PDB file of N, CA and C in Angstrom:
ATOM      1  N   UNK A   1     -11.677  -7.693  18.742  1.00  0.00           N
ATOM      2  CA  UNK A   1     -11.054  -6.081  18.497  1.00  0.00           C
ATOM      3  C   UNK A   1     -11.697  -5.468  17.555  1.00  0.00           C
ATOM      4  N   UNK A   2     -12.428  -4.639  17.528  1.00  0.00           N
ATOM      5  CA  UNK A   2     -12.846  -3.746  16.646  1.00  0.00           C
ATOM      6  C   UNK A   2     -11.692  -3.202  15.242  1.00  0.00           C
ATOM      7  N   UNK A   3     -12.556  -2.910  14.289  1.00  0.00           N
ATOM      8  CA  UNK A   3     -11.321  -2.640  13.386  1.00  0.00           C
ATOM      9  C   UNK A   3     -10.752  -1.377  13.533  1.00  0.00           C
ATOM     10  N   UNK A   4     -11.310  -0.609  14.627  1.00  0.00           N
ATOM     11  CA  UNK A   4     -10.387   0.684  14.871  1.00  0.00           C
ATOM     12  C   UNK A   4      -9.083   0.258  16.199  1.00  0.00           C
ATOM     13  N   UNK A   5      -9.363  -0.773  16.849  1.00  0.00           N
ATOM     14  CA  UNK A   5      -8.595  -1.113  17.766  1.00  0.00           C
ATOM     15  C   UNK A   5      -7.415  -1.786  16.895  1.00  0.00           C
ATOM     16  N   UNK A   6      -7.949  -2.530  16.033  1.00  0.00           N
ATOM     17  CA  UNK A   6      -6.934  -3.315  15.136  1.00  0.00           C
ATOM     18  C   UNK A   6      -5.971  -2.216  14.343  1.00  0.00           C
ATOM     19  N   UNK A   7      -6.620  -1.330  13.867  1.00  0.00           N
ATOM     20  CA  UNK A   7      -5.607   0.034  13.190  1.00  0.00           C
ATOM     21  C   UNK A   7      -4.843   0.552  14.496  1.00  0.00           C
ATOM     22  N   UNK A   8      -5.262   1.013  15.485  1.00  0.00           N
ATOM     23  CA  UNK A   8      -4.336   1.564  16.367  1.00  0.00           C
ATOM     24  C   UNK A   8      -3.383   0.693  16.965  1.00  0.00           C
ATOM     25  N   UNK A   9      -3.779  -0.626  17.282  1.00  0.00           N
ATOM     26  CA  UNK A   9      -2.832  -1.539  17.756  1.00  0.00           C
ATOM     27  C   UNK A   9      -1.680  -1.859  16.475  1.00  0.00           C
ATOM     28  N   UNK A  10      -1.704  -1.797  15.086  1.00  0.00           N
ATOM     29  CA  UNK A  10      -0.881  -1.691  14.216  1.00  0.00           C
ATOM     30  C   UNK A  10      -0.338  -0.723  13.930  1.00  0.00           C
ATOM     31  N   UNK A  11      -0.746   0.529  14.198  1.00  0.00           N
ATOM     32  CA  UNK A  11      -0.108   1.878  14.415  1.00  0.00           C
ATOM     33  C   UNK A  11       1.108   1.846  15.381  1.00  0.00           C
ATOM     34  N   UNK A  12       0.685   1.366  16.781  1.00  0.00           N
ATOM     35  CA  UNK A  12       1.508   1.523  17.743  1.00  0.00           C
ATOM     36  C   UNK A  12       2.807   0.531  17.555  1.00  0.00           C
ATOM     37  N   UNK A  13       2.481  -0.783  17.043  1.00  0.00           N
ATOM     38  CA  UNK A  13       3.703  -1.676  16.792  1.00  0.00           C
ATOM     39  C   UNK A  13       4.496  -1.166  15.555  1.00  0.00           C
ATOM     40  N   UNK A  14       4.036  -0.454  14.659  1.00  0.00           N
ATOM     41  CA  UNK A  14       4.992   0.226  13.471  1.00  0.00           C
ATOM     42  C   UNK A  14       6.016   1.203  14.390  1.00  0.00           C
ATOM     43  N   UNK A  15       5.201   1.889  15.068  1.00  0.00           N
ATOM     44  CA  UNK A  15       5.761   3.129  15.998  1.00  0.00           C
ATOM     45  C   UNK A  15       6.771   2.260  16.722  1.00  0.00           C
ATOM     46  N   UNK A  16       6.510   1.462  17.395  1.00  0.00           N
ATOM     47  CA  UNK A  16       7.342   0.731  18.557  1.00  0.00           C
ATOM     48  C   UNK A  16       8.492  -0.127  17.779  1.00  0.00           C
ATOM     49  N   UNK A  17       8.327  -0.382  16.500  1.00  0.00           N
ATOM     50  CA  UNK A  17       9.488  -0.598  15.872  1.00  0.00           C
ATOM     51  C   UNK A  17      10.361   0.238  15.495  1.00  0.00           C
ATOM     52  N   UNK A  18      10.015   1.395  15.102  1.00  0.00           N
ATOM     53  CA  UNK A  18      10.856   2.748  14.729  1.00  0.00           C
ATOM     54  C   UNK A  18      10.459   2.791  13.356  1.00  0.00           C
ATOM     55  N   UNK A  19       9.347   2.140  12.939  1.00  0.00           N
ATOM     56  CA  UNK A  19       9.182   2.616  11.403  1.00  0.00           C
ATOM     57  C   UNK A  19       8.549   3.904  11.071  1.00  0.00           C
ATOM     58  N   UNK A  20       7.690   4.400  11.939  1.00  0.00           N
ATOM     59  CA  UNK A  20       7.143   5.659  11.570  1.00  0.00           C
ATOM     60  C   UNK A  20       7.022   6.184  13.035  1.00  0.00           C
ATOM     61  N   UNK A  21       6.857   7.661  12.763  1.00  0.00           N
ATOM     62  CA  UNK A  21       6.371   8.394  13.889  1.00  0.00           C
ATOM     63  C   UNK A  21       4.992   8.817  13.620  1.00  0.00           C
ATOM     64  N   UNK A  22       4.003   9.109  14.894  1.00  0.00           N
ATOM     65  CA  UNK A  22       2.595   9.297  14.730  1.00  0.00           C
ATOM     66  C   UNK A  22       2.249  10.623  13.814  1.00  0.00           C
ATOM     67  N   UNK A  23       3.081  11.626  13.722  1.00  0.00           N
ATOM     68  CA  UNK A  23       2.954  12.707  13.261  1.00  0.00           C
ATOM     69  C   UNK A  23       3.379  12.756  11.727  1.00  0.00           C
ATOM     70  N   UNK A  24       3.921  11.464  11.379  1.00  0.00           N
ATOM     71  CA  UNK A  24       4.287  11.127  10.324  1.00  0.00           C
ATOM     72  C   UNK A  24       3.310  10.508   9.163  1.00  0.00           C
ATOM     73  N   UNK A  25       2.147  10.142   9.885  1.00  0.00           N
ATOM     74  CA  UNK A  25       1.036   9.295   9.346  1.00  0.00           C
ATOM     75  C   UNK A  25      -0.168  10.515   9.002  1.00  0.00           C
ATOM     76  N   UNK A  26      -0.152  10.494   7.564  1.00  0.00           N
ATOM     77  CA  UNK A  26      -1.314  11.353   7.125  1.00  0.00           C
ATOM     78  C   UNK A  26      -2.620  10.578   6.684  1.00  0.00           C
ATOM     79  N   UNK A  27      -2.297   9.557   6.411  1.00  0.00           N
ATOM     80  CA  UNK A  27      -3.389   8.576   5.900  1.00  0.00           C
ATOM     81  C   UNK A  27      -3.510   7.468   6.766  1.00  0.00           C
ATOM     82  N   UNK A  28      -4.684   7.101   7.651  1.00  0.00           N
ATOM     83  CA  UNK A  28      -4.570   5.828   8.396  1.00  0.00           C
ATOM     84  C   UNK A  28      -5.897   5.161   7.434  1.00  0.00           C
ATOM     85  N   UNK A  29      -6.025   4.085   7.205  1.00  0.00           N
ATOM     86  CA  UNK A  29      -7.097   3.178   6.932  1.00  0.00           C
ATOM     87  C   UNK A  29      -7.128   1.634   7.131  1.00  0.00           C
ATOM     88  N   UNK A  30      -8.452   1.469   7.476  1.00  0.00           N
ATOM     89  CA  UNK A  30      -8.427  -0.097   7.658  1.00  0.00           C
ATOM     90  C   UNK A  30      -9.853  -0.625   7.101  1.00  0.00           C
ATOM     91  N   UNK A  31      -9.834  -1.931   6.277  1.00  0.00           N
ATOM     92  CA  UNK A  31     -10.983  -2.309   5.909  1.00  0.00           C
ATOM     93  C   UNK A  31     -10.710  -3.798   5.587  1.00  0.00           C
ATOM     94  N   UNK A  32     -11.964  -4.515   5.350  1.00  0.00           N
ATOM     95  CA  UNK A  32     -11.853  -5.840   5.263  1.00  0.00           C
ATOM     96  C   UNK A  32     -11.925  -5.860   3.851  1.00  0.00           C
ATOM     97  N   UNK A  33     -11.211  -6.517   3.101  1.00  0.00           N
ATOM     98  CA  UNK A  33     -11.467  -7.019   1.790  1.00  0.00           C
ATOM     99  C   UNK A  33     -12.077  -8.309   1.575  1.00  0.00           C
ATOM    100  N   UNK A  34     -13.101  -8.579   0.923  1.00  0.00           N
ATOM    101  CA  UNK A  34     -14.016  -9.712   0.720  1.00  0.00           C
ATOM    102  C   UNK A  34     -13.316 -11.071   0.112  1.00  0.00           C
ATOM    103  N   UNK A  35     -12.996 -10.387  -1.239  1.00  0.00           N
ATOM    104  CA  UNK A  35     -12.122 -11.115  -2.121  1.00  0.00           C
ATOM    105  C   UNK A  35     -10.644 -10.337  -2.363  1.00  0.00           C
ATOM    106  N   UNK A  36      -9.748 -11.430  -1.687  1.00  0.00           N
ATOM    107  CA  UNK A  36      -8.284 -10.602  -1.836  1.00  0.00           C
ATOM    108  C   UNK A  36      -7.356 -11.644  -2.638  1.00  0.00           C
ATOM    109  N   UNK A  37      -7.982 -12.346  -3.676  1.00  0.00           N
ATOM    110  CA  UNK A  37      -7.070 -13.393  -4.300  1.00  0.00           C
ATOM    111  C   UNK A  37      -7.090 -12.429  -5.774  1.00  0.00           C
ATOM    112  N   UNK A  38      -5.775 -12.109  -6.692  1.00  0.00           N
ATOM    113  CA  UNK A  38      -6.051 -11.635  -7.630  1.00  0.00           C
ATOM    114  C   UNK A  38      -6.175 -12.767  -8.821  1.00  0.00           C
ATOM    115  N   UNK A  39      -7.061 -12.388  -9.948  1.00  0.00           N
ATOM    116  CA  UNK A  39      -7.019 -13.571 -11.042  1.00  0.00           C
ATOM    117  C   UNK A  39      -6.342 -13.102 -11.874  1.00  0.00           C
ATOM    118  N   UNK A  40      -5.538 -14.040 -12.419  1.00  0.00           N
ATOM    119  CA  UNK A  40      -4.617 -14.016 -13.261  1.00  0.00           C
ATOM    120  C   UNK A  40      -5.364 -14.685 -14.611  1.00  0.00           C
ATOM    121  N   UNK A  41      -5.059 -13.809 -15.830  1.00  0.00           N
ATOM    122  CA  UNK A  41      -5.363 -14.082 -17.144  1.00  0.00           C
ATOM    123  C   UNK A  41      -4.190 -14.007 -18.157  1.00  0.00           C
ATOM    124  N   UNK A  42      -3.967 -14.435 -19.113  1.00  0.00           N
ATOM    125  CA  UNK A  42      -2.679 -14.353 -20.125  1.00  0.00           C
ATOM    126  C   UNK A  42      -2.658 -12.575 -20.308  1.00  0.00           C
ATOM    127  N   UNK A  43      -3.697 -11.943 -20.217  1.00  0.00           N
ATOM    128  CA  UNK A  43      -3.573 -10.964 -20.556  1.00  0.00           C
ATOM    129  C   UNK A  43      -3.218  -9.742 -19.401  1.00  0.00           C
ATOM    130  N   UNK A  44      -2.950 -10.134 -18.270  1.00  0.00           N
ATOM    131  CA  UNK A  44      -2.909  -9.486 -17.082  1.00  0.00           C
ATOM    132  C   UNK A  44      -1.352  -8.741 -17.106  1.00  0.00           C
ATOM    133  N   UNK A  45      -0.312  -9.134 -17.775  1.00  0.00           N
ATOM    134  CA  UNK A  45       0.693  -8.239 -17.599  1.00  0.00           C
ATOM    135  C   UNK A  45       0.463  -7.034 -18.413  1.00  0.00           C
ATOM    136  N   UNK A  46       0.111  -7.210 -19.837  1.00  0.00           N
ATOM    137  CA  UNK A  46       0.245  -6.323 -20.488  1.00  0.00           C
ATOM    138  C   UNK A  46      -0.997  -5.024 -20.130  1.00  0.00           C
ATOM    139  N   UNK A  47      -2.171  -5.640 -19.507  1.00  0.00           N
ATOM    140  CA  UNK A  47      -3.257  -4.760 -18.854  1.00  0.00           C
ATOM    141  C   UNK A  47      -2.711  -3.784 -17.800  1.00  0.00           C
ATOM    142  N   UNK A  48      -2.132  -4.745 -16.847  1.00  0.00           N
ATOM    143  CA  UNK A  48      -1.591  -4.097 -15.673  1.00  0.00           C
ATOM    144  C   UNK A  48      -0.393  -3.177 -16.169  1.00  0.00           C
ATOM    145  N   UNK A  49       0.450  -3.413 -17.000  1.00  0.00           N
ATOM    146  CA  UNK A  49       1.508  -2.322 -17.393  1.00  0.00           C
ATOM    147  C   UNK A  49       0.862  -0.871 -17.864  1.00  0.00           C
ATOM    148  N   UNK A  50      -0.599  -1.128 -18.547  1.00  0.00           N
ATOM    149  CA  UNK A  50      -0.998   0.187 -18.964  1.00  0.00           C
ATOM    150  C   UNK A  50      -1.829   0.765 -17.947  1.00  0.00           C
ATOM    151  N   UNK A  51      -1.990   0.130 -17.326  1.00  0.00           N
ATOM    152  CA  UNK A  51      -3.063   1.022 -15.994  1.00  0.00           C
ATOM    153  C   UNK A  51      -2.022   1.509 -15.262  1.00  0.00           C
ATOM    154  N   UNK A  52      -1.041   0.992 -14.863  1.00  0.00           N
ATOM    155  CA  UNK A  52       0.029   1.571 -13.931  1.00  0.00           C
ATOM    156  C   UNK A  52       0.791   2.640 -14.614  1.00  0.00           C
ATOM    157  N   UNK A  53       1.396   2.355 -15.928  1.00  0.00           N
ATOM    158  CA  UNK A  53       1.835   3.673 -16.240  1.00  0.00           C
ATOM    159  C   UNK A  53       0.989   5.023 -16.474  1.00  0.00           C
ATOM    160  N   UNK A  54      -0.472   4.672 -16.569  1.00  0.00           N
ATOM    161  CA  UNK A  54      -1.474   5.891 -16.514  1.00  0.00           C
ATOM    162  C   UNK A  54      -1.240   6.384 -15.513  1.00  0.00           C
ATOM    163  N   UNK A  55      -1.508   5.503 -14.336  1.00  0.00           N
ATOM    164  CA  UNK A  55      -1.424   5.809 -13.044  1.00  0.00           C
ATOM    165  C   UNK A  55      -0.230   6.856 -12.951  1.00  0.00           C
ATOM    166  N   UNK A  56       0.640   6.334 -13.054  1.00  0.00           N
ATOM    167  CA  UNK A  56       2.099   7.031 -12.588  1.00  0.00           C
ATOM    168  C   UNK A  56       2.218   8.454 -13.767  1.00  0.00           C
ATOM    169  N   UNK A  57       1.560   8.482 -15.128  1.00  0.00           N
ATOM    170  CA  UNK A  57       1.634   9.694 -15.374  1.00  0.00           C
ATOM    171  C   UNK A  57       0.572  10.887 -14.543  1.00  0.00           C
ATOM    172  N   UNK A  58      -0.036  10.431 -13.955  1.00  0.00           N
ATOM    173  CA  UNK A  58      -0.851  11.507 -12.982  1.00  0.00           C
ATOM    174  C   UNK A  58      -0.165  11.405 -11.728  1.00  0.00           C
ATOM    175  N   UNK A  59       0.927  11.136 -11.565  1.00  0.00           N
ATOM    176  CA  UNK A  59       1.822  11.129 -10.087  1.00  0.00           C
ATOM    177  C   UNK A  59       0.703  10.163  -8.975  1.00  0.00           C
ATOM    178  N   UNK A  60       0.123   9.381  -9.668  1.00  0.00           N
ATOM    179  CA  UNK A  60      -0.494   8.554  -8.339  1.00  0.00           C
ATOM    180  C   UNK A  60       0.468   7.403  -7.975  1.00  0.00           C
ATOM    181  N   UNK A  61       0.672   7.208  -6.844  1.00  0.00           N
ATOM    182  CA  UNK A  61       1.595   5.992  -6.121  1.00  0.00           C
ATOM    183  C   UNK A  61       0.761   4.894  -5.788  1.00  0.00           C
ATOM    184  N   UNK A  62       0.914   3.844  -6.666  1.00  0.00           N
ATOM    185  CA  UNK A  62       0.175   2.482  -6.067  1.00  0.00           C
ATOM    186  C   UNK A  62       0.867   1.458  -5.176  1.00  0.00           C
ATOM    187  N   UNK A  63       0.202   1.051  -4.212  1.00  0.00           N
ATOM    188  CA  UNK A  63       0.948   0.074  -3.689  1.00  0.00           C
ATOM    189  C   UNK A  63       0.383  -1.177  -3.134  1.00  0.00           C
ATOM    190  N   UNK A  64       0.916  -2.058  -2.710  1.00  0.00           N
ATOM    191  CA  UNK A  64       0.251  -3.438  -2.151  1.00  0.00           C
ATOM    192  C   UNK A  64      -0.088  -4.463  -3.194  1.00  0.00           C
ATOM    193  N   UNK A  65      -0.869  -5.289  -2.551  1.00  0.00           N
ATOM    194  CA  UNK A  65      -1.789  -6.356  -3.560  1.00  0.00           C
ATOM    195  C   UNK A  65      -2.553  -5.852  -4.282  1.00  0.00           C
ATOM    196  N   UNK A  66      -3.325  -5.011  -4.065  1.00  0.00           N
ATOM    197  CA  UNK A  66      -4.487  -4.358  -4.810  1.00  0.00           C
ATOM    198  C   UNK A  66      -3.695  -3.159  -5.865  1.00  0.00           C
ATOM    199  N   UNK A  67      -2.771  -2.502  -5.379  1.00  0.00           N
ATOM    200  CA  UNK A  67      -2.343  -1.015  -6.005  1.00  0.00           C
ATOM    201  C   UNK A  67      -1.535  -1.980  -6.933  1.00  0.00           C
ATOM    202  N   UNK A  68      -0.569  -2.984  -7.069  1.00  0.00           N
ATOM    203  CA  UNK A  68       0.190  -3.414  -7.696  1.00  0.00           C
ATOM    204  C   UNK A  68      -0.230  -4.605  -8.757  1.00  0.00           C
ATOM    205  N   UNK A  69      -1.488  -4.765  -8.229  1.00  0.00           N
ATOM    206  CA  UNK A  69      -1.986  -6.057  -9.136  1.00  0.00           C
ATOM    207  C   UNK A  69      -0.866  -7.323  -9.113  1.00  0.00           C
ATOM    208  N   UNK A  70      -0.482  -7.432  -7.897  1.00  0.00           N
ATOM    209  CA  UNK A  70       0.386  -8.849  -8.117  1.00  0.00           C
ATOM    210  C   UNK A  70      -0.103  -9.734  -6.446  1.00  0.00           C
ATOM    211  N   UNK A  71       0.347 -10.893  -6.603  1.00  0.00           N
ATOM    212  CA  UNK A  71       0.051 -11.759  -5.723  1.00  0.00           C
ATOM    213  C   UNK A  71       1.253 -11.614  -4.400  1.00  0.00           C
ATOM    214  N   UNK A  72       0.980 -10.658  -3.638  1.00  0.00           N
ATOM    215  CA  UNK A  72       2.165 -10.385  -2.556  1.00  0.00           C
ATOM    216  C   UNK A  72       1.799 -11.035  -1.068  1.00  0.00           C
ATOM    217  N   UNK A  73       2.721 -11.354  -0.623  1.00  0.00           N
ATOM    218  CA  UNK A  73       2.592 -11.944   0.809  1.00  0.00           C
ATOM    219  C   UNK A  73       2.598 -10.783   1.583  1.00  0.00           C
ATOM    220  N   UNK A  74       2.352 -11.066   3.039  1.00  0.00           N
ATOM    221  CA  UNK A  74       1.901  -9.770   3.810  1.00  0.00           C
ATOM    222  C   UNK A  74       3.218  -8.970   4.019  1.00  0.00           C
ATOM    223  N   UNK A  75       4.443  -9.494   4.152  1.00  0.00           N
ATOM    224  CA  UNK A  75       5.685  -9.164   4.376  1.00  0.00           C
ATOM    225  C   UNK A  75       6.068  -7.863   2.910  1.00  0.00           C
ATOM    226  N   UNK A  76       5.556  -8.487   1.852  1.00  0.00           N
ATOM    227  CA  UNK A  76       6.101  -7.828   0.637  1.00  0.00           C
ATOM    228  C   UNK A  76       4.859  -6.680   0.439  1.00  0.00           C
ATOM    229  N   UNK A  77       3.725  -6.872   0.722  1.00  0.00           N
ATOM    230  CA  UNK A  77       2.762  -5.871   1.102  1.00  0.00           C
ATOM    231  C   UNK A  77       3.145  -4.756   1.804  1.00  0.00           C
ATOM    232  N   UNK A  78       3.944  -4.863   2.931  1.00  0.00           N
ATOM    233  CA  UNK A  78       4.203  -3.967   3.808  1.00  0.00           C
ATOM    234  C   UNK A  78       5.605  -3.321   3.402  1.00  0.00           C
ATOM    235  N   UNK A  79       6.320  -4.151   2.719  1.00  0.00           N
ATOM    236  CA  UNK A  79       7.477  -3.216   1.924  1.00  0.00           C
ATOM    237  C   UNK A  79       7.004  -2.296   0.742  1.00  0.00           C
ATOM    238  N   UNK A  80       6.116  -2.822   0.038  1.00  0.00           N
ATOM    239  CA  UNK A  80       5.519  -1.966  -0.931  1.00  0.00           C
ATOM    240  C   UNK A  80       4.747  -0.816  -0.306  1.00  0.00           C
ATOM    241  N   UNK A  81       4.225  -0.821   0.762  1.00  0.00           N
ATOM    242  CA  UNK A  81       3.517   0.347   1.351  1.00  0.00           C
ATOM    243  C   UNK A  81       4.504   1.151   1.709  1.00  0.00           C
ATOM    244  N   UNK A  82       5.482   0.540   2.435  1.00  0.00           N
ATOM    245  CA  UNK A  82       6.637   1.500   3.054  1.00  0.00           C
ATOM    246  C   UNK A  82       7.379   2.425   1.858  1.00  0.00           C
ATOM    247  N   UNK A  83       7.452   1.831   0.835  1.00  0.00           N
ATOM    248  CA  UNK A  83       8.288   2.084  -0.291  1.00  0.00           C
ATOM    249  C   UNK A  83       7.505   3.364  -0.921  1.00  0.00           C
ATOM    250  N   UNK A  84       6.153   3.035  -1.066  1.00  0.00           N
ATOM    251  CA  UNK A  84       5.391   3.889  -1.875  1.00  0.00           C
ATOM    252  C   UNK A  84       4.912   5.133  -0.686  1.00  0.00           C
ATOM    253  N   UNK A  85       5.269   4.804   0.270  1.00  0.00           N
ATOM    254  CA  UNK A  85       5.006   6.165   1.313  1.00  0.00           C
ATOM    255  C   UNK A  85       6.173   6.961   1.212  1.00  0.00           C
ATOM    256  N   UNK A  86       7.311   6.258   1.013  1.00  0.00           N
ATOM    257  CA  UNK A  86       8.848   7.282   1.010  1.00  0.00           C
ATOM    258  C   UNK A  86       8.794   7.887  -0.566  1.00  0.00           C
ATOM    259  N   UNK A  87       8.170   7.417  -1.421  1.00  0.00           N
ATOM    260  CA  UNK A  87       8.065   7.943  -2.920  1.00  0.00           C
ATOM    261  C   UNK A  87       7.233   9.252  -2.610  1.00  0.00           C
ATOM    262  N   UNK A  88       5.807   9.432  -1.717  1.00  0.00           N
ATOM    263  CA  UNK A  88       5.091  10.186  -1.608  1.00  0.00           C
ATOM    264  C   UNK A  88       5.649  11.468  -0.838  1.00  0.00           C
ATOM    265  N   UNK A  89       6.337  11.149   0.116  1.00  0.00           N
ATOM    266  CA  UNK A  89       7.223  12.056   0.964  1.00  0.00           C
ATOM    267  C   UNK A  89       8.286  12.661   0.065  1.00  0.00           C
ATOM    268  N   UNK A  90       9.168  11.883  -0.708  1.00  0.00           N
ATOM    269  CA  UNK A  90      10.106  12.607  -1.458  1.00  0.00           C
ATOM    270  C   UNK A  90       9.399  13.615  -2.295  1.00  0.00           C
ATOM    271  N   UNK A  91       8.386  13.202  -2.790  1.00  0.00           N
ATOM    272  CA  UNK A  91       7.660  13.982  -3.916  1.00  0.00           C
ATOM    273  C   UNK A  91       7.270  15.364  -3.504  1.00  0.00           C
ATOM    274  N   UNK A  92       6.819  15.197  -2.058  1.00  0.00           N
ATOM    275  CA  UNK A  92       6.214  16.353  -1.420  1.00  0.00           C
ATOM    276  C   UNK A  92       7.323  17.264  -0.974  1.00  0.00           C
ATOM    277  N   UNK A  93       8.601  17.000  -0.959  1.00  0.00           N
ATOM    278  CA  UNK A  93       9.875  17.289  -0.445  1.00  0.00           C
ATOM    279  C   UNK A  93      10.349  18.350  -1.873  1.00  0.00           C
ATOM    280  N   UNK A  94       9.630  18.382  -2.836  1.00  0.00           N
ATOM    281  CA  UNK A  94      10.457  18.846  -4.126  1.00  0.00           C
ATOM    282  C   UNK A  94      10.194  20.534  -3.904  1.00  0.00           C
TER     283      UNK A  94
END
């Protein structure tokens, strides 16, 4: 399958599960990340908090493994992305 096929298949499965409607999807992206493991150092927690607070102050919603700087399993990443999308949608309704 091509990356585009994988993206379309994933979208169709989410729609089939009732998680999203196609018209609700404003951004769709697929990419291969060569390095997917988070490297933990003693300073990660303090540094992560600083970066995430700064991004939050700019109203930037961060999600999933790379956005949260956490080692998340696939299901946790999916939930993180869904919660982030809900934050964005709620913010748009202000």
